[in-house]
Protein backbone atom coordinates (compact mmCIF):
# COMPACT_ATOMS: atom_id res chain seq x y z
CA MET A 1 9.20 -27.73 5.26
CA ILE A 2 7.24 -26.35 2.28
CA LYS A 3 9.24 -26.37 -0.95
CA THR A 4 9.49 -23.26 -3.13
CA GLU A 5 7.71 -25.09 -5.96
CA ASN A 6 4.80 -25.92 -3.66
CA ILE A 7 4.50 -22.26 -2.59
CA LYS A 8 4.41 -21.19 -6.24
CA ASP A 9 1.69 -23.77 -6.95
CA ILE A 10 -0.39 -22.55 -3.99
CA ILE A 11 -0.06 -18.92 -5.13
CA PHE A 12 -0.94 -19.81 -8.73
CA GLU A 13 -4.00 -21.82 -7.68
CA ASN A 14 -5.18 -18.92 -5.51
CA LYS A 15 -3.95 -16.04 -7.66
CA LEU A 16 -7.23 -14.14 -7.40
CA ILE A 17 -7.16 -14.27 -3.59
CA VAL A 18 -3.50 -13.23 -3.55
CA LEU A 19 -4.21 -10.36 -5.95
CA LEU A 20 -7.16 -9.10 -3.89
CA TYR A 21 -5.17 -9.42 -0.67
CA LEU A 22 -2.24 -7.43 -2.06
CA PHE A 23 -4.52 -4.78 -3.57
CA SER A 24 -6.61 -4.32 -0.42
CA THR A 25 -3.54 -4.23 1.84
CA MET A 26 -1.84 -1.61 -0.33
CA PHE A 27 -5.13 0.32 -0.37
CA PHE A 28 -5.20 0.39 3.45
CA ILE A 29 -1.57 1.45 3.61
CA TYR A 30 -2.05 4.31 1.17
CA GLN A 31 -5.29 5.41 2.85
CA HIS A 32 -3.44 5.66 6.15
CA THR A 33 -0.99 8.15 4.63
CA THR A 34 -3.72 10.57 3.52
CA GLY A 35 -4.62 12.02 6.92
CA ILE A 36 -5.01 11.40 10.63
CA SER A 37 -7.85 9.30 12.01
CA TRP A 38 -9.01 10.48 15.46
CA ASP A 39 -9.69 6.98 16.76
CA PHE A 40 -6.59 5.42 15.22
CA ALA A 41 -4.48 8.21 16.74
CA ALA A 42 -6.06 7.52 20.16
CA TYR A 43 -5.16 3.81 19.89
CA VAL A 44 -1.56 4.75 19.08
CA LEU A 45 -1.43 7.18 22.02
CA ASN A 46 -2.77 4.52 24.38
CA ALA A 47 -0.14 2.11 23.08
CA LYS A 48 2.61 4.66 23.76
CA TYR A 49 1.26 5.28 27.27
CA ILE A 50 1.27 1.55 28.09
CA PHE A 51 4.50 0.56 26.35
CA SER A 52 6.72 3.65 26.46
CA ASN A 53 5.49 6.18 29.04
CA GLY A 54 3.38 8.26 26.66
CA PHE A 55 1.77 11.51 27.79
CA TYR A 56 -1.89 10.87 26.88
CA PHE A 57 -4.27 8.01 27.72
CA GLU A 58 -7.98 7.23 27.34
CA LEU A 59 -9.06 4.45 29.70
CA LEU A 60 -12.49 4.25 28.07
CA ARG A 61 -11.04 2.56 24.97
CA PRO A 62 -10.79 -1.26 24.99
CA PRO A 63 -7.14 -2.33 24.89
CA LEU A 64 -6.66 -4.87 22.07
CA ALA A 65 -5.86 -2.51 19.17
CA SER A 66 -3.41 -0.53 21.33
CA VAL A 67 -1.73 -3.70 22.62
CA LEU A 68 -1.19 -4.95 19.07
CA ILE A 69 0.26 -1.61 17.95
CA GLY A 70 2.42 -1.57 21.07
CA LEU A 71 3.78 -5.04 20.34
CA PHE A 72 4.74 -3.94 16.83
CA SER A 73 6.48 -0.85 18.26
CA LEU A 74 9.61 -2.95 18.60
CA PHE A 75 10.26 -1.83 15.01
CA GLY A 76 9.49 1.85 15.69
CA TRP A 77 6.19 3.62 16.28
CA LEU A 78 5.60 4.73 12.71
CA VAL A 79 6.37 1.26 11.37
CA ALA A 80 4.13 -0.23 14.05
CA GLU A 81 1.06 1.50 12.60
CA TYR A 82 1.66 -0.01 9.17
CA MET A 83 2.50 -3.43 10.58
CA TYR A 84 -0.83 -3.31 12.38
CA LEU A 85 -2.60 -2.62 9.06
CA ILE A 86 -0.82 -5.53 7.37
CA PHE A 87 -1.54 -7.83 10.32
CA VAL A 88 -5.26 -7.02 10.32
CA SER A 89 -5.55 -7.41 6.55
CA SER A 90 -3.79 -10.78 6.79
CA LEU A 91 -5.95 -11.97 9.68
CA TYR A 92 -9.05 -10.98 7.74
CA LEU A 93 -7.91 -13.09 4.79
CA ILE A 94 -7.33 -16.08 7.09
CA SER A 95 -10.75 -15.62 8.70
CA CYS A 96 -12.42 -15.52 5.27
CA LEU A 97 -10.71 -18.75 4.21
CA LYS A 98 -11.72 -20.48 7.43
CA ILE A 99 -15.33 -19.35 7.57
CA SER A 100 -15.97 -20.04 3.87
CA GLU A 101 -14.75 -23.58 4.57
CA ILE A 102 -17.11 -24.17 7.50
CA LEU A 103 -20.00 -22.48 5.64
CA ASN A 104 -19.29 -24.70 2.63
CA VAL A 105 -19.11 -21.86 0.10
CA ASP A 106 -16.52 -21.01 -2.55
CA LYS A 107 -13.63 -19.27 -0.78
CA ARG A 108 -12.64 -17.31 -3.89
CA ILE A 109 -16.11 -15.87 -4.41
CA PHE A 110 -16.55 -15.24 -0.67
CA TYR A 111 -13.31 -13.25 -0.42
CA ALA A 112 -13.89 -11.47 -3.74
CA LEU A 113 -17.36 -10.32 -2.64
CA SER A 114 -16.07 -9.21 0.76
CA ILE A 115 -13.36 -6.94 -0.67
CA ASN A 116 -16.00 -4.48 -1.79
CA PRO A 117 -15.89 -0.65 -1.83
CA PHE A 118 -17.43 -0.23 1.63
CA LEU A 119 -14.93 -2.60 3.25
CA LEU A 120 -12.04 -0.87 1.53
CA LEU A 121 -13.16 2.61 2.55
CA PHE A 122 -14.12 1.90 6.17
CA GLY A 123 -12.23 -1.27 7.09
CA LEU A 124 -9.16 0.41 8.57
CA SER A 125 -9.79 4.14 8.26
CA VAL A 126 -10.72 4.30 11.95
CA GLY A 127 -8.68 1.32 13.07
CA THR A 128 -10.85 -1.55 14.35
CA GLU A 129 -13.73 -2.36 11.98
CA LEU A 130 -11.89 -4.92 9.84
CA LEU A 131 -10.23 -6.55 12.85
CA SER A 132 -13.63 -6.77 14.54
CA LEU A 133 -15.11 -8.52 11.50
CA ALA A 134 -12.13 -10.90 11.28
CA LEU A 135 -12.51 -11.90 14.93
CA LEU A 136 -16.28 -12.28 14.50
CA GLN A 137 -15.69 -14.63 11.58
CA LEU A 138 -13.19 -16.66 13.60
CA PHE A 139 -15.68 -16.76 16.48
CA VAL A 140 -18.38 -18.17 14.17
CA PHE A 141 -15.92 -20.61 12.57
CA TYR A 142 -14.87 -22.13 15.88
CA LEU A 143 -18.42 -21.99 17.22
CA LEU A 144 -19.71 -24.07 14.30
CA LYS A 145 -16.82 -26.49 14.87
CA ASN A 146 -17.96 -26.75 18.51
CA ASP A 147 -14.58 -25.57 19.77
CA GLY A 148 -15.46 -23.76 22.97
CA LEU A 149 -11.86 -22.77 23.77
CA LYS A 150 -11.07 -21.05 20.47
CA SER A 151 -14.55 -19.58 19.98
CA GLY A 152 -14.36 -18.13 23.51
CA THR A 153 -10.90 -16.73 22.76
CA SER A 154 -12.10 -15.08 19.54
CA PHE A 155 -15.18 -13.66 21.24
CA ALA A 156 -13.26 -12.27 24.22
CA LEU A 157 -10.60 -10.69 22.01
CA ASN A 158 -13.35 -9.07 19.94
CA ALA A 159 -14.98 -7.67 23.08
CA LEU A 160 -11.56 -6.38 24.17
CA LEU A 161 -11.37 -4.66 20.81
CA ARG A 162 -14.82 -3.05 20.96
CA TYR A 163 -17.19 -3.34 23.91
CA THR A 164 -20.17 -3.30 21.55
CA ASN A 165 -19.16 -6.76 20.36
CA PHE A 166 -20.61 -8.18 23.58
CA ILE A 167 -23.95 -8.05 21.75
CA TYR A 168 -22.97 -11.17 19.78
CA LEU A 169 -23.01 -13.30 22.92
CA PRO A 170 -26.45 -14.88 22.05
CA VAL A 171 -24.81 -16.53 19.02
CA VAL A 172 -23.04 -18.92 21.40
CA LEU A 173 -26.40 -20.60 22.13
CA PHE A 174 -26.10 -22.35 18.76
CA THR A 175 -23.39 -24.53 20.32
CA LYS A 176 -26.05 -26.68 22.05
CA ASN A 177 -23.37 -28.19 24.26
CA PHE A 178 -23.31 -27.00 27.85
CA LYS A 179 -19.75 -28.20 28.39
CA LYS A 180 -18.54 -26.19 25.37
CA ILE A 181 -20.49 -23.14 26.58
CA ALA A 182 -18.87 -23.47 30.02
CA ILE A 183 -15.41 -23.55 28.38
CA PHE A 184 -16.41 -20.57 26.23
CA ILE A 185 -17.43 -18.53 29.28
CA GLY A 186 -14.39 -19.60 31.29
CA ILE A 187 -11.81 -18.60 28.68
CA SER A 188 -13.65 -15.33 28.01
CA ILE A 189 -13.48 -14.37 31.69
CA LEU A 190 -9.84 -15.44 31.92
CA LEU A 191 -8.83 -13.23 28.99
CA PHE A 192 -10.59 -10.24 30.53
CA LEU A 193 -8.85 -10.54 33.90
CA PRO A 194 -5.64 -8.66 32.94
CA TRP A 195 -7.68 -5.70 31.68
CA LEU A 196 -9.86 -5.69 34.80
CA TRP A 197 -6.71 -5.77 36.93
CA PHE A 198 -5.24 -2.85 34.95
CA ASN A 199 -8.43 -0.86 35.58
CA LEU A 200 -8.27 -1.68 39.29
CA ALA A 201 -4.63 -0.58 39.56
CA PHE A 202 -5.26 2.55 37.48
CA SER A 203 -8.48 3.82 39.04
CA GLY A 204 -9.42 1.68 42.04
CA SER A 205 -12.27 -0.07 40.21
CA PRO A 206 -12.06 -2.96 37.71
CA LEU A 207 -14.97 -1.54 35.69
CA THR A 208 -13.90 2.08 35.22
CA SER A 209 -13.28 1.65 31.49
CA PHE A 210 -16.79 0.23 31.00
CA ALA A 211 -18.33 3.05 33.04
CA ASP A 212 -16.40 5.69 31.10
CA TYR A 213 -17.34 4.15 27.74
CA TYR A 214 -21.01 3.87 28.70
CA ALA A 215 -21.14 7.42 30.04
CA LEU A 216 -19.52 9.02 26.99
CA ASN A 217 -21.11 6.99 24.21
CA ILE A 218 -24.56 6.16 25.57
CA LYS A 219 -25.78 7.77 28.78
CA TYR A 220 -24.73 11.35 28.07
CA ARG A 221 -24.99 11.25 24.27
CA ASP A 222 -28.78 11.07 23.88
CA TYR A 223 -28.84 14.80 23.09
CA MET A 224 -26.97 14.00 19.84
CA PHE A 225 -29.52 11.48 18.56
CA MET A 226 -29.29 10.75 14.82
CA PRO A 227 -32.26 9.20 12.98
CA PHE A 228 -32.00 6.03 10.94
CA ASP A 229 -30.60 6.78 7.48
CA ILE A 230 -31.40 4.27 4.75
CA TYR A 231 -28.37 5.58 2.86
CA ASP A 232 -26.09 4.07 5.51
CA PHE A 233 -27.64 0.66 4.90
CA ILE A 234 -27.37 0.99 1.12
CA LEU A 235 -23.75 2.12 1.42
CA VAL A 236 -22.88 -1.02 3.40
CA VAL A 237 -24.69 -3.62 1.30
CA ASN A 238 -24.13 -1.82 -2.07
CA TYR A 239 -24.41 -4.25 -5.00
CA LEU A 240 -24.68 -7.24 -2.64
CA LEU A 241 -28.36 -6.49 -1.88
CA PRO A 242 -29.92 -8.26 -4.91
CA LEU A 243 -27.54 -11.20 -4.57
CA PHE A 244 -28.34 -11.43 -0.85
CA LEU A 245 -32.09 -11.44 -1.50
CA ILE A 246 -31.71 -14.17 -4.13
CA GLY A 247 -29.58 -16.30 -1.82
CA LEU A 248 -31.97 -15.87 1.10
CA TRP A 249 -34.97 -16.66 -1.12
CA LEU A 250 -33.26 -19.82 -2.38
CA LYS A 251 -32.64 -21.00 1.17
CA VAL A 252 -36.18 -20.25 2.35
CA SER A 253 -38.02 -21.53 -0.74
CA ASP A 254 -36.06 -24.79 -0.85
CA ARG A 255 -36.46 -25.22 2.91
CA ARG A 256 -32.71 -25.62 3.27
CA MET A 257 -32.25 -23.34 6.29
CA ASN A 258 -29.76 -24.91 8.71
CA ARG A 259 -27.79 -23.92 11.80
CA LYS A 260 -25.25 -21.96 9.75
CA ASP A 261 -27.98 -19.95 8.05
CA TRP A 262 -29.66 -19.08 11.34
CA VAL A 263 -26.33 -17.94 12.81
CA MET A 264 -25.94 -15.57 9.84
CA ILE A 265 -29.51 -14.30 10.27
CA LEU A 266 -28.94 -13.69 13.98
CA ILE A 267 -25.72 -11.76 13.31
CA LEU A 268 -27.59 -9.64 10.75
CA ILE A 269 -30.40 -8.85 13.20
CA ILE A 270 -28.06 -8.08 16.11
CA THR A 271 -25.86 -5.79 13.99
CA PHE A 272 -28.78 -3.89 12.51
CA PHE A 273 -30.58 -3.31 15.81
CA SER A 274 -27.34 -2.29 17.51
CA TYR A 275 -26.97 0.41 14.87
CA TYR A 276 -30.67 1.34 15.02
CA ASN A 277 -30.64 1.81 18.81
CA ALA A 278 -27.42 3.84 18.88
CA SER A 279 -27.74 7.58 19.52
CA LEU A 280 -25.06 8.32 16.92
CA LYS A 281 -25.46 6.37 13.68
CA TYR A 282 -22.55 6.06 11.29
CA PRO A 283 -22.33 3.64 8.34
CA ARG A 284 -19.34 1.85 9.89
CA PHE A 285 -21.57 0.75 12.79
CA LEU A 286 -23.15 -1.62 10.23
CA PHE A 287 -19.78 -2.99 9.17
CA ASN A 288 -20.39 -6.55 10.43
CA LEU A 289 -23.36 -6.87 8.06
CA ILE A 290 -20.71 -7.74 5.49
CA LEU A 291 -20.52 -11.31 6.86
CA PRO A 292 -24.18 -12.39 6.45
CA PHE A 293 -24.61 -10.39 3.25
CA VAL A 294 -21.56 -11.94 1.60
CA TYR A 295 -22.61 -15.42 2.75
CA PHE A 296 -26.10 -15.29 1.23
CA SER A 297 -24.75 -13.45 -1.82
CA VAL A 298 -22.41 -16.35 -2.57
CA ILE A 299 -25.40 -18.69 -2.40
CA GLY A 300 -27.31 -16.34 -4.70
CA LEU A 301 -24.51 -16.50 -7.25
CA GLU A 302 -25.02 -20.27 -7.54
CA ARG A 303 -27.83 -19.47 -9.98
CA PHE A 304 -25.57 -17.38 -12.22
CA LYS A 305 -22.47 -18.21 -14.23
CA ILE A 306 -20.39 -15.36 -12.80
CA LYS A 307 -16.74 -16.14 -12.19
CA ALA A 308 -14.93 -15.05 -9.05
CA GLU A 309 -12.38 -13.31 -11.28
CA HIS A 310 -15.11 -11.01 -12.63
CA ILE A 311 -16.17 -10.04 -9.11
CA GLY A 312 -12.58 -9.47 -8.05
CA LEU A 313 -11.89 -7.31 -11.11
CA LEU A 314 -15.03 -5.26 -10.41
CA ASN A 315 -13.95 -4.58 -6.83
CA ILE A 316 -10.43 -3.68 -7.88
CA CYS A 317 -11.81 -1.18 -10.42
CA LEU A 318 -14.11 0.31 -7.79
CA GLY A 319 -11.21 0.38 -5.34
CA VAL A 320 -9.04 2.26 -7.84
CA PHE A 321 -11.86 4.78 -8.28
CA ILE A 322 -12.03 5.26 -4.49
CA LEU A 323 -8.25 5.72 -4.39
CA TRP A 324 -8.55 8.40 -7.03
CA THR A 325 -11.26 10.10 -4.96
CA ILE A 326 -9.03 10.01 -1.88
CA ILE A 327 -6.11 11.47 -3.83
CA ILE A 328 -8.30 14.31 -5.11
CA SER A 329 -9.84 15.05 -1.69
CA PRO A 330 -7.98 13.20 1.10
CA SER A 331 -9.65 14.98 4.01
CA GLY A 332 -13.08 14.10 2.67
CA ALA A 333 -12.34 10.41 2.19
CA THR A 334 -14.18 9.43 5.36
CA ASN A 335 -15.81 11.30 8.19
CA SER A 336 -12.97 10.31 10.53
CA ILE A 337 -9.91 11.56 8.63
CA PHE A 338 -8.39 14.91 9.62
CA SER A 339 -5.92 17.01 7.71
CA ASN A 340 -2.21 16.32 7.47
CA PRO A 341 0.25 17.46 10.18
CA SER A 342 1.43 20.40 8.08
CA ASP A 343 -2.03 21.97 8.41
CA TYR A 344 -1.73 22.26 12.19
CA PRO A 345 -0.29 25.36 13.91
CA ASN A 346 3.19 25.29 15.35
CA VAL A 347 2.65 26.52 18.89
CA THR A 348 6.26 27.48 19.57
CA GLU A 349 5.81 28.04 23.31
CA ASN A 350 6.30 24.86 25.33
CA CYS A 351 3.07 25.26 27.31
CA MET A 352 0.26 22.80 27.95
CA ILE A 353 -2.33 22.89 25.15
CA SER A 354 -6.09 22.59 25.52
CA SER A 355 -7.95 22.00 22.28
CA ASN A 356 -11.06 20.55 20.67
CA ARG A 357 -8.67 18.45 18.56
CA TRP A 358 -6.64 17.32 21.53
CA VAL A 359 -6.12 13.75 20.33
CA ILE A 360 -4.68 14.87 16.99
CA ILE A 361 -2.36 17.38 18.68
CA ASN A 362 -1.14 14.72 21.13
CA TYR A 363 -0.55 12.37 18.20
CA LEU A 364 1.57 15.07 16.55
CA GLY A 365 3.79 15.16 19.62
CA ARG A 366 2.49 18.04 21.74
CA PRO A 367 0.86 17.28 25.13
CA ALA A 368 -2.75 18.44 25.07
CA GLU A 369 -6.02 17.90 26.90
CA PRO A 370 -9.67 18.45 25.91
CA ASN A 371 -10.86 22.01 25.45
CA PRO A 372 -12.35 23.72 28.50
CA ARG A 373 -16.07 24.32 28.83
CA ASP A 374 -17.06 27.91 28.10
CA PHE A 375 -17.20 28.99 31.75
CA ARG A 376 -13.66 27.67 32.32
CA VAL A 377 -11.85 29.36 29.42
CA ARG A 378 -10.69 32.26 31.60
CA GLU A 379 -9.53 29.83 34.31
CA TYR A 380 -7.40 27.91 31.80
CA LEU A 381 -5.85 31.08 30.41
CA ASP A 382 -5.01 32.31 33.91
CA LYS A 383 -3.22 29.00 34.55
CA GLY A 384 -1.09 29.49 31.44
CA TYR A 385 -2.69 27.10 28.93
CA ARG A 386 -2.60 27.71 25.20
CA ILE A 387 -6.17 27.06 24.01
CA VAL A 388 -6.26 25.97 20.35
CA ILE A 389 -9.86 25.99 19.11
CA TYR A 390 -10.68 24.71 15.65
CA LYS A 391 -13.84 26.11 14.11
CA ASP A 392 -15.59 22.73 14.30
CA PRO A 393 -19.20 22.00 15.35
CA GLU A 394 -18.03 21.29 18.89
CA PRO A 395 -17.75 22.99 21.32
CA ASP A 396 -20.59 25.47 20.81
CA TYR A 397 -18.30 28.45 21.24
CA ALA A 398 -15.86 27.29 18.53
CA ARG A 399 -17.64 29.44 15.91
CA ASN A 400 -18.67 32.21 18.32
CA SER A 401 -16.17 34.91 17.43
CA SER A 402 -17.67 37.46 19.85
CA PHE A 403 -17.16 35.02 22.73
CA LEU A 404 -13.60 34.11 21.75
CA LYS A 405 -12.54 37.74 21.28
CA GLN A 406 -13.19 38.39 24.96
CA PHE A 407 -9.86 36.66 25.57
CA PRO A 408 -6.28 37.38 24.47
CA VAL A 409 -5.79 36.03 20.94
CA ILE A 410 -2.31 34.87 19.95
CA GLU A 411 -3.24 33.83 16.41
CA GLU A 412 -6.39 33.43 14.33
CA THR A 413 -6.97 31.94 10.88
CA GLU A 414 -10.01 30.75 8.96
CA ARG A 415 -9.59 27.32 10.56
CA TYR A 416 -8.58 27.97 14.16
CA VAL A 417 -7.91 30.50 16.89
CA ILE A 418 -5.19 30.28 19.55
CA LEU A 419 -5.92 31.93 22.91
CA GLY A 420 -3.29 32.55 25.53
CA ASP A 421 -1.62 34.91 27.96
CA ARG A 422 2.04 35.10 26.93
CA SER A 423 3.06 36.13 30.45
CA LYS A 424 1.93 32.74 31.81
CA CYS A 425 2.82 29.19 30.83
CA MET A 426 1.46 25.92 32.19
CA GLU A 427 4.10 23.18 32.13
CA PRO A 428 3.09 20.23 29.88
CA TYR A 429 2.06 17.12 31.81
CA VAL A 430 0.68 13.61 31.32
CA PHE A 431 -3.07 13.71 30.79
CA ASP A 432 -4.83 10.48 31.73
CA LYS A 433 -8.01 11.63 33.47
CA THR A 434 -11.07 9.52 32.79
CA TYR A 435 -14.08 11.05 31.06
CA LEU A 436 -16.13 10.84 34.25
CA GLU A 437 -13.38 12.59 36.22
CA GLN A 438 -13.38 15.45 33.72
CA LEU A 439 -17.17 15.63 33.70
CA ASN A 440 -17.48 15.69 37.48
CA GLU A 441 -14.74 18.29 37.81
CA SER A 442 -16.65 20.73 35.60
CA LEU A 443 -20.07 19.89 37.07
CA TYR A 444 -18.81 20.41 40.62
CA LEU A 445 -17.27 23.77 39.78
CA LYS A 446 -20.42 25.08 38.10
CA TYR A 447 -23.26 23.32 39.93
CA ASN A 448 -21.65 21.82 43.04
CA PHE A 449 -22.92 18.49 41.70
CA SER A 450 -21.43 15.21 40.47
CA VAL A 451 -22.70 12.21 38.50
CA GLU A 452 -22.58 8.53 39.35
CA THR A 453 -19.32 6.75 38.48
CA ASN A 454 -20.17 3.19 39.57
CA PHE A 455 -20.87 1.18 36.42
CA PHE A 456 -23.73 -0.96 37.75
CA ARG A 457 -25.45 1.91 39.54
CA MET A 458 -25.10 3.98 36.37
CA LEU A 459 -26.87 1.27 34.36
CA LEU A 460 -29.77 1.25 36.82
CA SER A 461 -30.13 5.02 37.13
């Protein structure tokens, strides 16, 4: 049993790490109070569906974040969200301590550099970026220790958090031990089996979630292509760029490149090209660049007499500035935060809602489904839906007042319009249709046509 004196000694010896951990965790907690994140709300809704018979579910989302939130729901759903934030922040700290050890770099400088403005702003605003990076770091740590079981566990959990993390599979080739690779593959498959079984029981196919995710985010999103933006890259690497270049130059010029360095380079390349090839490009898609950039930046700092305390103080000051910015303009803090619950209309009638902010409305406690396509608005009104349309970029008719005024308007403000026939009311119900089900329903009604739903055939088409 660890004595109290020993705990005090450990805290005193690592006071900078403790300070940065407490500051970053409190930052994440406060940030979470400033608005509603669409993705985070969806993870909570999925958790409620799985653990307590919730009324909304998205099968396309990988399950890990929702399972963690659901496990914490023992203490209440609101508390569960904050316990998840604390858990992820703590796991990230542990992963930094472990990977700095295996990479043979100063743990204080590594953690101080990692708690930079970009990580603070985007780490937990959506819900999974920081957890993804923590699991990636644990994957690399156990991989470099040639522990196939634990590296496979970390990799599989990361893929169950975000399907895009499958792209880091080539990193396992640095194991150079076929037995370890076999263990890695075996444990990865084993951990995926419960999710595949859930898919099979839910939809009749073990790969429905993958098909839904691919259809929504890749196959049918090419019309929303965003070009590469150098600003995204600069935002991620921020002041680490010169330190990274110095560290990389030192490694190359001294011919000291080793297996650890090449793993970092491969992670950098994979992360960048994943972002570059994505139809939609957001800065947070580059989040995992933090690992290789911090690693080479620590090496770059070997040539300078900069103390870890100075770096930590700099990041805390920048973090305080970001907090001030969030307080001044909470809804503009990130591109994923929506306004507070008080800004949403109180639809007093207990009818099913259809809205372009359906996830947020479900999160606030009212059953809702995605807004109808333009040719189905009349159909939904005739069935008794209340259609709540926010004047957002999507759908196209959200800002088309002449189109919307064709229908009975219950309420209209500068931000939204509520359509509905007060003589009709659709009873609220559980909405758990897959994206492909919704898509095919609309396509069949309009064109008497449907798209492929088999995952493998979809990949080949």
